[in-house]
Amino acid sequence: MSEIATKFDWENYPMVNPKHIMIEMEFSEQQFLKLRKGFIPLQMEDKWFIYYDNEWLYFHRSWTGKGIYKTQINQKPGNCYFINSVWVERDKDNYENEDDNFDIDIFKFLVNKILLR
């Protein structure tokens, strides 16, 4: 998919009660370019809508448009990029999980399997 996702491509709502969690991930410039493309769901089984806007990467459930994760992508000298934290929804009406380690695992999975594939 070559299309770049924008916040206007899918119904999306901001997080209601975000919690800040520390995480460490690094990316090359080539990987950053893939992250920036985001992900627009093509079928019902594609459960996520992900887009990049102004240094932030947003993750929304595709069926509801509810924001579940967001993170800022920072740049180091030498075209190296990194994520050092993620915001996770903790409003029970929007997202039932409360386990930070589970969210770290899911977030890394989404980045590695959907965005960097």
PDB file of N, CA and C in Angstrom:
ATOM      1  N   MET A   1       0.848  -1.184   0.000  1.00  0.00           N
ATOM      2  CA  MET A   1       0.000   0.000   0.000  1.00  0.00           C
ATOM      3  C   MET A   1       0.890   1.243   0.000  1.00  0.00           C
ATOM      4  N   SER A   2       0.685   2.103  -0.958  1.00  0.00           N
ATOM      5  CA  SER A   2       1.516   3.301  -1.050  1.00  0.00           C
ATOM      6  C   SER A   2       0.815   4.542  -0.522  1.00  0.00           C
ATOM      7  N   GLU A   3      -0.508   4.466  -0.321  1.00  0.00           N
ATOM      8  CA  GLU A   3      -1.249   5.619   0.160  1.00  0.00           C
ATOM      9  C   GLU A   3      -0.829   5.973   1.592  1.00  0.00           C
ATOM     10  N   ILE A   4      -0.730   7.255   1.867  1.00  0.00           N
ATOM     11  CA  ILE A   4      -0.380   7.721   3.208  1.00  0.00           C
ATOM     12  C   ILE A   4      -1.662   8.068   3.953  1.00  0.00           C
ATOM     13  N   ALA A   5      -1.848   7.452   5.115  1.00  0.00           N
ATOM     14  CA  ALA A   5      -3.048   7.683   5.913  1.00  0.00           C
ATOM     15  C   ALA A   5      -3.006   9.074   6.542  1.00  0.00           C
ATOM     16  N   THR A   6      -4.165   9.726   6.573  1.00  0.00           N
ATOM     17  CA  THR A   6      -4.309  10.993   7.283  1.00  0.00           C
ATOM     18  C   THR A   6      -5.504  10.868   8.224  1.00  0.00           C
ATOM     19  N   LYS A   7      -5.622  11.779   9.157  1.00  0.00           N
ATOM     20  CA  LYS A   7      -6.724  11.716  10.118  1.00  0.00           C
ATOM     21  C   LYS A   7      -8.088  11.860   9.454  1.00  0.00           C
ATOM     22  N   PHE A   8      -8.116  12.318   8.227  1.00  0.00           N
ATOM     23  CA  PHE A   8      -9.370  12.501   7.503  1.00  0.00           C
ATOM     24  C   PHE A   8      -9.823  11.246   6.754  1.00  0.00           C
ATOM     25  N   ASP A   9      -8.998  10.195   6.761  1.00  0.00           N
ATOM     26  CA  ASP A   9      -9.306   8.982   6.010  1.00  0.00           C
ATOM     27  C   ASP A   9     -10.258   8.035   6.733  1.00  0.00           C
ATOM     28  N   TRP A  10     -10.479   8.248   8.018  1.00  0.00           N
ATOM     29  CA  TRP A  10     -11.296   7.312   8.782  1.00  0.00           C
ATOM     30  C   TRP A  10     -11.890   8.053   9.972  1.00  0.00           C
ATOM     31  N   GLU A  11     -13.050   7.640  10.406  1.00  0.00           N
ATOM     32  CA  GLU A  11     -13.651   8.223  11.607  1.00  0.00           C
ATOM     33  C   GLU A  11     -12.718   7.967  12.798  1.00  0.00           C
ATOM     34  N   ASN A  12     -12.428   9.019  13.570  1.00  0.00           N
ATOM     35  CA  ASN A  12     -11.531   8.836  14.713  1.00  0.00           C
ATOM     36  C   ASN A  12     -11.847   9.843  15.807  1.00  0.00           C
ATOM     37  N   TYR A  13     -11.670   9.374  17.039  1.00  0.00           N
ATOM     38  CA  TYR A  13     -11.960  10.184  18.219  1.00  0.00           C
ATOM     39  C   TYR A  13     -10.753  10.183  19.147  1.00  0.00           C
ATOM     40  N   PRO A  14     -10.505  11.287  19.837  1.00  0.00           N
ATOM     41  CA  PRO A  14      -9.353  11.346  20.746  1.00  0.00           C
ATOM     42  C   PRO A  14      -9.566  10.475  21.984  1.00  0.00           C
ATOM     43  N   MET A  15      -8.472  10.152  22.643  1.00  0.00           N
ATOM     44  CA  MET A  15      -8.543   9.409  23.891  1.00  0.00           C
ATOM     45  C   MET A  15      -9.211  10.260  24.964  1.00  0.00           C
ATOM     46  N   VAL A  16      -9.908   9.612  25.877  1.00  0.00           N
ATOM     47  CA  VAL A  16     -10.634  10.287  26.948  1.00  0.00           C
ATOM     48  C   VAL A  16      -9.789  10.379  28.216  1.00  0.00           C
ATOM     49  N   ASN A  17      -9.108   9.276  28.554  1.00  0.00           N
ATOM     50  CA  ASN A  17      -8.330   9.203  29.792  1.00  0.00           C
ATOM     51  C   ASN A  17      -6.978   8.536  29.513  1.00  0.00           C
ATOM     52  N   PRO A  18      -6.062   9.236  28.834  1.00  0.00           N
ATOM     53  CA  PRO A  18      -4.781   8.615  28.476  1.00  0.00           C
ATOM     54  C   PRO A  18      -3.837   8.450  29.668  1.00  0.00           C
ATOM     55  N   LYS A  19      -3.099   7.346  29.647  1.00  0.00           N
ATOM     56  CA  LYS A  19      -2.065   7.062  30.648  1.00  0.00           C
ATOM     57  C   LYS A  19      -0.728   6.989  29.928  1.00  0.00           C
ATOM     58  N   HIS A  20       0.296   7.573  30.508  1.00  0.00           N
ATOM     59  CA  HIS A  20       1.635   7.634  29.935  1.00  0.00           C
ATOM     60  C   HIS A  20       2.430   6.405  30.376  1.00  0.00           C
ATOM     61  N   ILE A  21       2.991   5.668  29.427  1.00  0.00           N
ATOM     62  CA  ILE A  21       3.792   4.471  29.705  1.00  0.00           C
ATOM     63  C   ILE A  21       5.134   4.618  28.994  1.00  0.00           C
ATOM     64  N   MET A  22       6.211   4.284  29.693  1.00  0.00           N
ATOM     65  CA  MET A  22       7.547   4.350  29.091  1.00  0.00           C
ATOM     66  C   MET A  22       7.794   3.106  28.223  1.00  0.00           C
ATOM     67  N   ILE A  23       8.467   3.329  27.097  1.00  0.00           N
ATOM     68  CA  ILE A  23       8.792   2.256  26.152  1.00  0.00           C
ATOM     69  C   ILE A  23      10.021   2.708  25.368  1.00  0.00           C
ATOM     70  N   GLU A  24      10.819   1.777  24.904  1.00  0.00           N
ATOM     71  CA  GLU A  24      12.007   2.129  24.123  1.00  0.00           C
ATOM     72  C   GLU A  24      11.972   1.407  22.783  1.00  0.00           C
ATOM     73  N   MET A  25      11.946   2.171  21.703  1.00  0.00           N
ATOM     74  CA  MET A  25      12.018   1.609  20.353  1.00  0.00           C
ATOM     75  C   MET A  25      12.835   2.558  19.483  1.00  0.00           C
ATOM     76  N   GLU A  26      13.681   1.994  18.627  1.00  0.00           N
ATOM     77  CA  GLU A  26      14.478   2.798  17.702  1.00  0.00           C
ATOM     78  C   GLU A  26      14.217   2.346  16.277  1.00  0.00           C
ATOM     79  N   PHE A  27      14.364   3.307  15.336  1.00  0.00           N
ATOM     80  CA  PHE A  27      14.051   3.036  13.944  1.00  0.00           C
ATOM     81  C   PHE A  27      15.058   3.727  13.027  1.00  0.00           C
ATOM     82  N   SER A  28      15.323   3.099  11.899  1.00  0.00           N
ATOM     83  CA  SER A  28      16.134   3.720  10.852  1.00  0.00           C
ATOM     84  C   SER A  28      15.270   4.725  10.094  1.00  0.00           C
ATOM     85  N   GLU A  29      15.894   5.488   9.222  1.00  0.00           N
ATOM     86  CA  GLU A  29      15.125   6.435   8.415  1.00  0.00           C
ATOM     87  C   GLU A  29      14.141   5.699   7.510  1.00  0.00           C
ATOM     88  N   GLN A  30      14.554   4.576   6.948  1.00  0.00           N
ATOM     89  CA  GLN A  30      13.671   3.785   6.087  1.00  0.00           C
ATOM     90  C   GLN A  30      12.464   3.267   6.877  1.00  0.00           C
ATOM     91  N   GLN A  31      12.688   2.811   8.102  1.00  0.00           N
ATOM     92  CA  GLN A  31      11.578   2.364   8.943  1.00  0.00           C
ATOM     93  C   GLN A  31      10.657   3.526   9.309  1.00  0.00           C
ATOM     94  N   PHE A  32      11.238   4.679   9.599  1.00  0.00           N
ATOM     95  CA  PHE A  32      10.433   5.855   9.914  1.00  0.00           C
ATOM     96  C   PHE A  32       9.494   6.201   8.760  1.00  0.00           C
ATOM     97  N   LEU A  33       9.988   6.106   7.535  1.00  0.00           N
ATOM     98  CA  LEU A  33       9.150   6.407   6.374  1.00  0.00           C
ATOM     99  C   LEU A  33       7.961   5.447   6.291  1.00  0.00           C
ATOM    100  N   LYS A  34       8.159   4.188   6.686  1.00  0.00           N
ATOM    101  CA  LYS A  34       7.053   3.233   6.738  1.00  0.00           C
ATOM    102  C   LYS A  34       6.075   3.600   7.855  1.00  0.00           C
ATOM    103  N   LEU A  35       6.591   3.979   9.017  1.00  0.00           N
ATOM    104  CA  LEU A  35       5.727   4.374  10.133  1.00  0.00           C
ATOM    105  C   LEU A  35       4.844   5.547   9.731  1.00  0.00           C
ATOM    106  N   ARG A  36       5.443   6.486   9.043  1.00  0.00           N
ATOM    107  CA  ARG A  36       4.746   7.711   8.641  1.00  0.00           C
ATOM    108  C   ARG A  36       3.582   7.453   7.688  1.00  0.00           C
ATOM    109  N   LYS A  37       3.635   6.362   6.951  1.00  0.00           N
ATOM    110  CA  LYS A  37       2.550   6.029   6.023  1.00  0.00           C
ATOM    111  C   LYS A  37       1.267   5.668   6.768  1.00  0.00           C
ATOM    112  N   GLY A  38       1.389   5.105   7.977  1.00  0.00           N
ATOM    113  CA  GLY A  38       0.217   4.695   8.720  1.00  0.00           C
ATOM    114  C   GLY A  38      -0.431   3.463   8.117  1.00  0.00           C
ATOM    115  N   PHE A  39      -1.722   3.280   8.428  1.00  0.00           N
ATOM    116  CA  PHE A  39      -2.441   2.102   7.951  1.00  0.00           C
ATOM    117  C   PHE A  39      -3.926   2.422   7.848  1.00  0.00           C
ATOM    118  N   ILE A  40      -4.484   2.220   6.671  1.00  0.00           N
ATOM    119  CA  ILE A  40      -5.915   2.401   6.442  1.00  0.00           C
ATOM    120  C   ILE A  40      -6.518   1.003   6.273  1.00  0.00           C
ATOM    121  N   PRO A  41      -7.498   0.644   7.096  1.00  0.00           N
ATOM    122  CA  PRO A  41      -8.082  -0.702   6.986  1.00  0.00           C
ATOM    123  C   PRO A  41      -8.783  -0.900   5.642  1.00  0.00           C
ATOM    124  N   LEU A  42      -8.638  -2.103   5.101  1.00  0.00           N
ATOM    125  CA  LEU A  42      -9.249  -2.422   3.810  1.00  0.00           C
ATOM    126  C   LEU A  42     -10.442  -3.363   3.946  1.00  0.00           C
ATOM    127  N   GLN A  43     -10.522  -4.081   5.073  1.00  0.00           N
ATOM    128  CA  GLN A  43     -11.605  -5.039   5.294  1.00  0.00           C
ATOM    129  C   GLN A  43     -11.926  -5.102   6.784  1.00  0.00           C
ATOM    130  N   MET A  44     -13.020  -5.775   7.134  1.00  0.00           N
ATOM    131  CA  MET A  44     -13.471  -5.834   8.528  1.00  0.00           C
ATOM    132  C   MET A  44     -12.413  -6.425   9.467  1.00  0.00           C
ATOM    133  N   GLU A  45     -11.618  -7.349   8.964  1.00  0.00           N
ATOM    134  CA  GLU A  45     -10.599  -7.994   9.794  1.00  0.00           C
ATOM    135  C   GLU A  45      -9.447  -7.060  10.150  1.00  0.00           C
ATOM    136  N   ASP A  46      -9.307  -5.970   9.413  1.00  0.00           N
ATOM    137  CA  ASP A  46      -8.277  -4.972   9.713  1.00  0.00           C
ATOM    138  C   ASP A  46      -8.800  -4.098  10.844  1.00  0.00           C
ATOM    139  N   LYS A  47      -8.389  -4.376  12.042  1.00  0.00           N
ATOM    140  CA  LYS A  47      -9.016  -3.783  13.228  1.00  0.00           C
ATOM    141  C   LYS A  47      -8.456  -2.427  13.637  1.00  0.00           C
ATOM    142  N   TRP A  48      -7.500  -1.906  12.883  1.00  0.00           N
ATOM    143  CA  TRP A  48      -6.836  -0.668  13.291  1.00  0.00           C
ATOM    144  C   TRP A  48      -6.797   0.344  12.166  1.00  0.00           C
ATOM    145  N   PHE A  49      -6.885   1.599  12.529  1.00  0.00           N
ATOM    146  CA  PHE A  49      -6.622   2.736  11.648  1.00  0.00           C
ATOM    147  C   PHE A  49      -5.488   3.504  12.316  1.00  0.00           C
ATOM    148  N   ILE A  50      -4.386   3.704  11.590  1.00  0.00           N
ATOM    149  CA  ILE A  50      -3.192   4.330  12.155  1.00  0.00           C
ATOM    150  C   ILE A  50      -2.749   5.449  11.224  1.00  0.00           C
ATOM    151  N   TYR A  51      -2.501   6.615  11.790  1.00  0.00           N
ATOM    152  CA  TYR A  51      -2.023   7.721  10.963  1.00  0.00           C
ATOM    153  C   TYR A  51      -0.981   8.546  11.730  1.00  0.00           C
ATOM    154  N   TYR A  52      -0.160   9.244  10.962  1.00  0.00           N
ATOM    155  CA  TYR A  52       0.906  10.093  11.488  1.00  0.00           C
ATOM    156  C   TYR A  52       0.531  11.540  11.225  1.00  0.00           C
ATOM    157  N   ASP A  53       0.673  12.378  12.254  1.00  0.00           N
ATOM    158  CA  ASP A  53       0.345  13.793  12.096  1.00  0.00           C
ATOM    159  C   ASP A  53       1.228  14.621  13.026  1.00  0.00           C
ATOM    160  N   ASN A  54       2.049  15.480  12.449  1.00  0.00           N
ATOM    161  CA  ASN A  54       2.840  16.433  13.230  1.00  0.00           C
ATOM    162  C   ASN A  54       3.664  15.769  14.334  1.00  0.00           C
ATOM    163  N   GLU A  55       4.476  14.784  13.958  1.00  0.00           N
ATOM    164  CA  GLU A  55       5.382  14.033  14.835  1.00  0.00           C
ATOM    165  C   GLU A  55       4.687  13.019  15.740  1.00  0.00           C
ATOM    166  N   TRP A  56       3.378  12.873  15.632  1.00  0.00           N
ATOM    167  CA  TRP A  56       2.624  11.929  16.462  1.00  0.00           C
ATOM    168  C   TRP A  56       2.028  10.826  15.607  1.00  0.00           C
ATOM    169  N   LEU A  57       2.063   9.602  16.132  1.00  0.00           N
ATOM    170  CA  LEU A  57       1.470   8.438  15.499  1.00  0.00           C
ATOM    171  C   LEU A  57       0.255   8.040  16.332  1.00  0.00           C
ATOM    172  N   TYR A  58      -0.920   7.963  15.691  1.00  0.00           N
ATOM    173  CA  TYR A  58      -2.189   7.705  16.377  1.00  0.00           C
ATOM    174  C   TYR A  58      -2.740   6.349  15.958  1.00  0.00           C
ATOM    175  N   PHE A  59      -3.226   5.587  16.933  1.00  0.00           N
ATOM    176  CA  PHE A  59      -3.778   4.255  16.707  1.00  0.00           C
ATOM    177  C   PHE A  59      -5.234   4.244  17.166  1.00  0.00           C
ATOM    178  N   HIS A  60      -6.155   3.986  16.227  1.00  0.00           N
ATOM    179  CA  HIS A  60      -7.585   3.967  16.528  1.00  0.00           C
ATOM    180  C   HIS A  60      -8.169   2.614  16.143  1.00  0.00           C
ATOM    181  N   ARG A  61      -9.161   2.159  16.902  1.00  0.00           N
ATOM    182  CA  ARG A  61      -9.895   0.953  16.523  1.00  0.00           C
ATOM    183  C   ARG A  61     -10.731   1.308  15.298  1.00  0.00           C
ATOM    184  N   SER A  62     -10.652   0.483  14.278  1.00  0.00           N
ATOM    185  CA  SER A  62     -11.324   0.827  13.022  1.00  0.00           C
ATOM    186  C   SER A  62     -12.843   0.749  13.127  1.00  0.00           C
ATOM    187  N   TRP A  63     -13.395  -0.126  13.939  1.00  0.00           N
ATOM    188  CA  TRP A  63     -14.849  -0.276  14.019  1.00  0.00           C
ATOM    189  C   TRP A  63     -15.501   0.877  14.758  1.00  0.00           C
ATOM    190  N   THR A  64     -14.807   1.422  15.775  1.00  0.00           N
ATOM    191  CA  THR A  64     -15.408   2.461  16.616  1.00  0.00           C
ATOM    192  C   THR A  64     -14.788   3.832  16.411  1.00  0.00           C
ATOM    193  N   GLY A  65     -13.572   3.876  15.873  1.00  0.00           N
ATOM    194  CA  GLY A  65     -12.844   5.131  15.719  1.00  0.00           C
ATOM    195  C   GLY A  65     -12.206   5.618  17.007  1.00  0.00           C
ATOM    196  N   LYS A  66     -12.338   4.852  18.081  1.00  0.00           N
ATOM    197  CA  LYS A  66     -11.814   5.279  19.384  1.00  0.00           C
ATOM    198  C   LYS A  66     -10.292   5.199  19.412  1.00  0.00           C
ATOM    199  N   GLY A  67      -9.656   6.272  19.925  1.00  0.00           N
ATOM    200  CA  GLY A  67      -8.210   6.307  20.068  1.00  0.00           C
ATOM    201  C   GLY A  67      -7.774   5.408  21.208  1.00  0.00           C
ATOM    202  N   ILE A  68      -6.797   4.526  20.942  1.00  0.00           N
ATOM    203  CA  ILE A  68      -6.304   3.601  21.959  1.00  0.00           C
ATOM    204  C   ILE A  68      -4.852   3.907  22.317  1.00  0.00           C
ATOM    205  N   TYR A  69      -4.028   4.222  21.327  1.00  0.00           N
ATOM    206  CA  TYR A  69      -2.621   4.556  21.566  1.00  0.00           C
ATOM    207  C   TYR A  69      -2.255   5.809  20.785  1.00  0.00           C
ATOM    208  N   LYS A  70      -1.274   6.544  21.318  1.00  0.00           N
ATOM    209  CA  LYS A  70      -0.621   7.592  20.536  1.00  0.00           C
ATOM    210  C   LYS A  70       0.798   7.725  21.071  1.00  0.00           C
ATOM    211  N   THR A  71       1.705   8.087  20.174  1.00  0.00           N
ATOM    212  CA  THR A  71       3.097   8.228  20.559  1.00  0.00           C
ATOM    213  C   THR A  71       3.767   9.281  19.690  1.00  0.00           C
ATOM    214  N   GLN A  72       4.744   9.928  20.269  1.00  0.00           N
ATOM    215  CA  GLN A  72       5.523  10.910  19.515  1.00  0.00           C
ATOM    216  C   GLN A  72       6.783  10.227  19.003  1.00  0.00           C
ATOM    217  N   ILE A  73       7.092  10.445  17.729  1.00  0.00           N
ATOM    218  CA  ILE A  73       8.316   9.910  17.146  1.00  0.00           C
ATOM    219  C   ILE A  73       9.344  11.031  17.121  1.00  0.00           C
ATOM    220  N   ASN A  74      10.464  10.781  17.782  1.00  0.00           N
ATOM    221  CA  ASN A  74      11.534  11.774  17.899  1.00  0.00           C
ATOM    222  C   ASN A  74      12.702  11.388  17.006  1.00  0.00           C
ATOM    223  N   GLN A  75      13.519  12.369  16.659  1.00  0.00           N
ATOM    224  CA  GLN A  75      14.677  12.131  15.803  1.00  0.00           C
ATOM    225  C   GLN A  75      15.963  12.412  16.557  1.00  0.00           C
ATOM    226  N   LYS A  76      16.933  11.510  16.384  1.00  0.00           N
ATOM    227  CA  LYS A  76      18.287  11.701  16.904  1.00  0.00           C
ATOM    228  C   LYS A  76      19.166  12.163  15.746  1.00  0.00           C
ATOM    229  N   PRO A  77      20.320  12.716  16.043  1.00  0.00           N
ATOM    230  CA  PRO A  77      21.255  13.042  14.951  1.00  0.00           C
ATOM    231  C   PRO A  77      21.603  11.786  14.150  1.00  0.00           C
ATOM    232  N   GLY A  78      21.803  11.963  12.872  1.00  0.00           N
ATOM    233  CA  GLY A  78      22.177  10.837  12.018  1.00  0.00           C
ATOM    234  C   GLY A  78      20.991  10.070  11.470  1.00  0.00           C
ATOM    235  N   ASN A  79      19.846  10.711  11.361  1.00  0.00           N
ATOM    236  CA  ASN A  79      18.653  10.096  10.796  1.00  0.00           C
ATOM    237  C   ASN A  79      18.231   8.817  11.504  1.00  0.00           C
ATOM    238  N   CYS A  80      18.305   8.832  12.815  1.00  0.00           N
ATOM    239  CA  CYS A  80      17.811   7.749  13.649  1.00  0.00           C
ATOM    240  C   CYS A  80      16.584   8.272  14.393  1.00  0.00           C
ATOM    241  N   TYR A  81      15.560   7.458  14.488  1.00  0.00           N
ATOM    242  CA  TYR A  81      14.306   7.867  15.107  1.00  0.00           C
ATOM    243  C   TYR A  81      14.016   6.969  16.297  1.00  0.00           C
ATOM    244  N   PHE A  82      13.246   7.498  17.250  1.00  0.00           N
ATOM    245  CA  PHE A  82      12.954   6.696  18.433  1.00  0.00           C
ATOM    246  C   PHE A  82      11.619   7.071  19.058  1.00  0.00           C
ATOM    247  N   ILE A  83      11.085   6.106  19.779  1.00  0.00           N
ATOM    248  CA  ILE A  83       9.893   6.289  20.606  1.00  0.00           C
ATOM    249  C   ILE A  83      10.325   5.954  22.027  1.00  0.00           C
ATOM    250  N   ASN A  84      10.040   6.853  22.976  1.00  0.00           N
ATOM    251  CA  ASN A  84      10.416   6.556  24.362  1.00  0.00           C
ATOM    252  C   ASN A  84       9.214   6.483  25.300  1.00  0.00           C
ATOM    253  N   SER A  85       8.018   6.676  24.755  1.00  0.00           N
ATOM    254  CA  SER A  85       6.812   6.529  25.570  1.00  0.00           C
ATOM    255  C   SER A  85       5.596   6.396  24.666  1.00  0.00           C
ATOM    256  N   VAL A  86       4.528   5.904  25.256  1.00  0.00           N
ATOM    257  CA  VAL A  86       3.265   5.768  24.539  1.00  0.00           C
ATOM    258  C   VAL A  86       2.143   6.159  25.494  1.00  0.00           C
ATOM    259  N   TRP A  87       1.130   6.811  24.956  1.00  0.00           N
ATOM    260  CA  TRP A  87      -0.071   7.131  25.720  1.00  0.00           C
ATOM    261  C   TRP A  87      -1.101   6.063  25.399  1.00  0.00           C
ATOM    262  N   VAL A  88      -1.748   5.536  26.439  1.00  0.00           N
ATOM    263  CA  VAL A  88      -2.702   4.439  26.299  1.00  0.00           C
ATOM    264  C   VAL A  88      -4.040   4.851  26.913  1.00  0.00           C
ATOM    265  N   GLU A  89      -5.125   4.540  26.217  1.00  0.00           N
ATOM    266  CA  GLU A  89      -6.461   4.847  26.737  1.00  0.00           C
ATOM    267  C   GLU A  89      -6.747   4.013  27.987  1.00  0.00           C
ATOM    268  N   ARG A  90      -7.282   4.670  29.019  1.00  0.00           N
ATOM    269  CA  ARG A  90      -7.650   3.977  30.249  1.00  0.00           C
ATOM    270  C   ARG A  90      -9.102   4.253  30.648  1.00  0.00           C
ATOM    271  N   ASP A  91      -9.878   4.829  29.741  1.00  0.00           N
ATOM    272  CA  ASP A  91     -11.306   4.991  29.997  1.00  0.00           C
ATOM    273  C   ASP A  91     -11.989   3.650  29.734  1.00  0.00           C
ATOM    274  N   LYS A  92     -12.626   3.082  30.750  1.00  0.00           N
ATOM    275  CA  LYS A  92     -13.211   1.744  30.647  1.00  0.00           C
ATOM    276  C   LYS A  92     -14.303   1.636  29.584  1.00  0.00           C
ATOM    277  N   ASP A  93     -14.986   2.720  29.287  1.00  0.00           N
ATOM    278  CA  ASP A  93     -16.020   2.678  28.247  1.00  0.00           C
ATOM    279  C   ASP A  93     -15.421   2.574  26.847  1.00  0.00           C
ATOM    280  N   ASN A  94     -14.172   2.983  26.702  1.00  0.00           N
ATOM    281  CA  ASN A  94     -13.514   2.959  25.402  1.00  0.00           C
ATOM    282  C   ASN A  94     -12.532   1.813  25.238  1.00  0.00           C
ATOM    283  N   TYR A  95     -11.966   1.338  26.368  1.00  0.00           N
ATOM    284  CA  TYR A  95     -10.930   0.310  26.305  1.00  0.00           C
ATOM    285  C   TYR A  95     -10.837  -0.345  27.671  1.00  0.00           C
ATOM    286  N   GLU A  96     -11.060  -1.647  27.729  1.00  0.00           N
ATOM    287  CA  GLU A  96     -11.167  -2.324  29.019  1.00  0.00           C
ATOM    288  C   GLU A  96      -9.833  -2.725  29.641  1.00  0.00           C
ATOM    289  N   ASN A  97      -8.775  -2.845  28.863  1.00  0.00           N
ATOM    290  CA  ASN A  97      -7.507  -3.312  29.419  1.00  0.00           C
ATOM    291  C   ASN A  97      -6.898  -2.292  30.383  1.00  0.00           C
ATOM    292  N   GLU A  98      -6.263  -2.791  31.438  1.00  0.00           N
ATOM    293  CA  GLU A  98      -5.545  -1.936  32.393  1.00  0.00           C
ATOM    294  C   GLU A  98      -4.111  -2.399  32.613  1.00  0.00           C
ATOM    295  N   ASP A  99      -3.675  -3.425  31.880  1.00  0.00           N
ATOM    296  CA  ASP A  99      -2.352  -4.025  32.057  1.00  0.00           C
ATOM    297  C   ASP A  99      -1.336  -3.320  31.149  1.00  0.00           C
ATOM    298  N   ASP A 100      -0.437  -2.546  31.753  1.00  0.00           N
ATOM    299  CA  ASP A 100       0.555  -1.790  30.978  1.00  0.00           C
ATOM    300  C   ASP A 100       1.438  -2.701  30.136  1.00  0.00           C
ATOM    301  N   ASN A 101       1.869  -3.832  30.678  1.00  0.00           N
ATOM    302  CA  ASN A 101       2.744  -4.731  29.927  1.00  0.00           C
ATOM    303  C   ASN A 101       2.038  -5.319  28.717  1.00  0.00           C
ATOM    304  N   PHE A 102       0.766  -5.634  28.858  1.00  0.00           N
ATOM    305  CA  PHE A 102      -0.022  -6.110  27.728  1.00  0.00           C
ATOM    306  C   PHE A 102      -0.061  -5.035  26.640  1.00  0.00           C
ATOM    307  N   ASP A 103      -0.292  -3.779  27.037  1.00  0.00           N
ATOM    308  CA  ASP A 103      -0.346  -2.698  26.054  1.00  0.00           C
ATOM    309  C   ASP A 103       0.988  -2.474  25.375  1.00  0.00           C
ATOM    310  N   ILE A 104       2.074  -2.605  26.096  1.00  0.00           N
ATOM    311  CA  ILE A 104       3.399  -2.482  25.475  1.00  0.00           C
ATOM    312  C   ILE A 104       3.569  -3.563  24.413  1.00  0.00           C
ATOM    313  N   ASP A 105       3.182  -4.802  24.744  1.00  0.00           N
ATOM    314  CA  ASP A 105       3.295  -5.902  23.785  1.00  0.00           C
ATOM    315  C   ASP A 105       2.421  -5.658  22.557  1.00  0.00           C
ATOM    316  N   ILE A 106       1.183  -5.223  22.764  1.00  0.00           N
ATOM    317  CA  ILE A 106       0.276  -4.969  21.641  1.00  0.00           C
ATOM    318  C   ILE A 106       0.794  -3.815  20.785  1.00  0.00           C
ATOM    319  N   PHE A 107       1.253  -2.756  21.427  1.00  0.00           N
ATOM    320  CA  PHE A 107       1.782  -1.608  20.696  1.00  0.00           C
ATOM    321  C   PHE A 107       2.966  -2.029  19.820  1.00  0.00           C
ATOM    322  N   LYS A 108       3.910  -2.776  20.400  1.00  0.00           N
ATOM    323  CA  LYS A 108       5.070  -3.240  19.619  1.00  0.00           C
ATOM    324  C   LYS A 108       4.636  -4.146  18.473  1.00  0.00           C
ATOM    325  N   PHE A 109       3.656  -5.008  18.734  1.00  0.00           N
ATOM    326  CA  PHE A 109       3.137  -5.879  17.685  1.00  0.00           C
ATOM    327  C   PHE A 109       2.564  -5.047  16.537  1.00  0.00           C
ATOM    328  N   LEU A 110       1.748  -4.053  16.862  1.00  0.00           N
ATOM    329  CA  LEU A 110       1.144  -3.208  15.826  1.00  0.00           C
ATOM    330  C   LEU A 110       2.209  -2.497  15.003  1.00  0.00           C
ATOM    331  N   VAL A 111       3.202  -1.964  15.673  1.00  0.00           N
ATOM    332  CA  VAL A 111       4.286  -1.257  14.953  1.00  0.00           C
ATOM    333  C   VAL A 111       5.031  -2.226  14.047  1.00  0.00           C
ATOM    334  N   ASN A 112       5.427  -3.386  14.598  1.00  0.00           N
ATOM    335  CA  ASN A 112       6.265  -4.308  13.849  1.00  0.00           C
ATOM    336  C   ASN A 112       5.519  -5.091  12.765  1.00  0.00           C
ATOM    337  N   LYS A 113       4.288  -5.504  13.039  1.00  0.00           N
ATOM    338  CA  LYS A 113       3.567  -6.370  12.096  1.00  0.00           C
ATOM    339  C   LYS A 113       2.676  -5.611  11.119  1.00  0.00           C
ATOM    340  N   ILE A 114       2.153  -4.477  11.536  1.00  0.00           N
ATOM    341  CA  ILE A 114       1.273  -3.734  10.621  1.00  0.00           C
ATOM    342  C   ILE A 114       2.028  -2.625   9.897  1.00  0.00           C
ATOM    343  N   LEU A 115       2.784  -1.819  10.628  1.00  0.00           N
ATOM    344  CA  LEU A 115       3.434  -0.671  10.004  1.00  0.00           C
ATOM    345  C   LEU A 115       4.759  -1.019   9.331  1.00  0.00           C
ATOM    346  N   LEU A 116       5.574  -1.844   9.967  1.00  0.00           N
ATOM    347  CA  LEU A 116       6.893  -2.155   9.398  1.00  0.00           C
ATOM    348  C   LEU A 116       6.875  -3.404   8.531  1.00  0.00           C
ATOM    349  N   ARG A 117       5.849  -4.204   8.610  1.00  0.00           N
ATOM    350  CA  ARG A 117       5.689  -5.474   7.897  1.00  0.00           C
ATOM    351  C   ARG A 117       6.819  -5.727   6.967  1.00  0.00           C
TER     352      ARG A 117
END
